[in-house]
C-alpha cells in the first residue's frame, strides 16, 4: 500500500468514526410496529426511535394486520439498518487491526 493510499484510508476511518460517534449509541434493534406500514429502529435502551422503516402490511381475512410477504426486502432493510452501527464498528476494528495491528 502506498503512503497516499494509507493516508486516504486513515482519513476515511476517521470520517466514519466521527459520524458514528455523533450518532445515537448502539446497539440498535427493530422495535415496535407503528401505524399501518412503519416499524421503528430503536436505540439500545429502547427509549426512543432513531429511524422508521417502511414495511408493507395488509389486513388479513380475520381483520388482523399482517406483513405483506411479497416485499421481503422491506424487512431486510429494517434488519440492515438495525445492524448497521454494530457492523460498521466491527468493520472499522478489523480494518484498524489489519492496518495498524491495533
Protein backbone atom coordinates (compact mmCIF):
# COMPACT_ATOMS: atom_id res chain seq x y z
CA UNK A 1 0.00 0.00 0.00
CA UNK A 2 1.35 3.41 -0.90
CA UNK A 3 1.61 6.28 1.57
CA UNK A 4 -1.14 8.13 -0.29
CA UNK A 5 -3.46 5.11 -0.05
CA UNK A 6 -2.66 4.71 3.64
CA UNK A 7 -3.47 8.37 4.32
CA UNK A 8 -6.72 8.09 2.36
CA UNK A 9 -7.81 5.03 4.34
CA UNK A 10 -6.80 6.67 7.62
CA UNK A 11 -8.93 9.72 6.74
CA UNK A 12 -11.84 7.51 5.70
CA UNK A 13 -11.69 5.65 9.03
CA UNK A 14 -11.57 8.95 10.93
CA UNK A 15 -14.56 10.32 9.00
CA UNK A 16 -16.63 7.17 9.59
CA UNK A 17 -15.72 7.16 13.30
CA UNK A 18 -16.76 10.82 13.59
CA UNK A 19 -20.17 10.05 12.06
CA UNK A 20 -20.52 7.00 14.30
CA UNK A 21 -19.60 8.97 17.42
CA UNK A 22 -22.19 11.63 16.55
CA UNK A 23 -24.99 9.08 16.02
CA UNK A 24 -27.17 7.51 18.71
CA UNK A 25 -25.21 4.91 20.65
CA UNK A 26 -25.85 1.27 19.86
CA UNK A 27 -26.75 -1.43 19.64
CA UNK A 28 -29.84 -0.66 17.64
CA UNK A 29 -32.74 -3.03 17.19
CA UNK A 30 -36.00 -3.45 15.36
CA UNK A 31 -38.68 -2.12 17.65
CA UNK A 32 -42.42 -1.74 17.61
CA UNK A 33 -44.65 -1.58 14.58
CA UNK A 34 -46.02 1.94 14.32
CA UNK A 35 -49.10 2.73 12.31
CA UNK A 36 -50.06 0.82 9.23
CA UNK A 37 -46.72 0.44 7.46
CA UNK A 38 -43.89 1.60 9.73
CA UNK A 39 -41.51 -0.21 12.04
CA UNK A 40 -39.21 1.60 14.46
CA UNK A 41 -35.48 1.15 14.69
CA UNK A 42 -34.78 1.82 18.37
CA UNK A 43 -31.82 2.86 20.49
CA UNK A 44 -30.05 0.38 22.78
CA UNK A 45 -32.21 1.12 25.80
CA UNK A 46 -35.41 1.13 23.74
CA UNK A 47 -36.24 4.60 25.00
CA UNK A 48 -36.65 6.19 21.59
CA UNK A 49 -36.91 5.54 17.92
CA UNK A 50 -33.92 6.57 15.83
CA UNK A 51 -35.50 5.76 12.48
CA UNK A 52 -38.67 4.44 10.90
CA UNK A 53 -38.66 1.83 8.15
CA UNK A 54 -41.49 1.19 5.72
CA UNK A 55 -42.77 -2.38 5.92
CA UNK A 56 -45.88 -3.14 3.88
CA UNK A 57 -48.79 -4.59 5.84
CA UNK A 58 -52.29 -5.62 4.95
CA UNK A 59 -55.43 -6.65 6.77
CA UNK A 60 -55.97 -10.40 6.62
CA UNK A 61 -59.34 -12.20 6.35
CA UNK A 62 -59.74 -12.15 10.14
CA UNK A 63 -59.29 -8.38 10.25
CA UNK A 64 -55.78 -8.53 11.74
CA UNK A 65 -52.72 -6.74 10.38
CA UNK A 66 -50.01 -8.91 8.87
CA UNK A 67 -46.87 -8.32 6.89
CA UNK A 68 -47.28 -8.47 3.15
CA UNK A 69 -44.76 -11.16 2.16
CA UNK A 70 -44.44 -10.06 -1.46
CA UNK A 71 -41.86 -7.47 -0.33
CA UNK A 72 -39.32 -9.38 1.82
CA UNK A 73 -36.64 -6.77 1.08
CA UNK A 74 -38.55 -4.29 3.26
CA UNK A 75 -37.98 -6.45 6.33
CA UNK A 76 -34.38 -6.99 5.20
CA UNK A 77 -33.96 -3.20 5.01
CA UNK A 78 -35.04 -2.86 8.63
CA UNK A 79 -32.64 -5.60 9.71
CA UNK A 80 -29.81 -3.99 7.72
CA UNK A 81 -30.38 -0.59 9.31
CA UNK A 82 -30.77 -2.03 12.81
CA UNK A 83 -27.44 -3.86 12.48
CA UNK A 84 -25.55 -1.12 10.62
CA UNK A 85 -23.99 0.54 13.67
CA UNK A 86 -22.59 -2.70 15.12
CA UNK A 87 -21.46 -3.87 11.67
CA UNK A 88 -19.62 -0.60 10.99
CA UNK A 89 -17.88 -0.73 14.38
CA UNK A 90 -16.77 -4.32 13.71
CA UNK A 91 -15.51 -3.49 10.23
CA UNK A 92 -13.55 -0.45 11.46
CA UNK A 93 -11.96 -2.52 14.24
CA UNK A 94 -10.97 -5.26 11.80
CA UNK A 95 -9.56 -2.71 9.32
CA UNK A 96 -7.56 -0.96 12.04
CA UNK A 97 -6.19 -4.32 13.18
CA UNK A 98 -5.06 -5.12 9.64
CA UNK A 99 -3.57 -1.68 9.06
CA UNK A 100 -2.05 -0.81 12.41
CA UNK A 101 -2.04 -4.00 14.45
CA UNK A 102 -4.11 -2.07 16.99
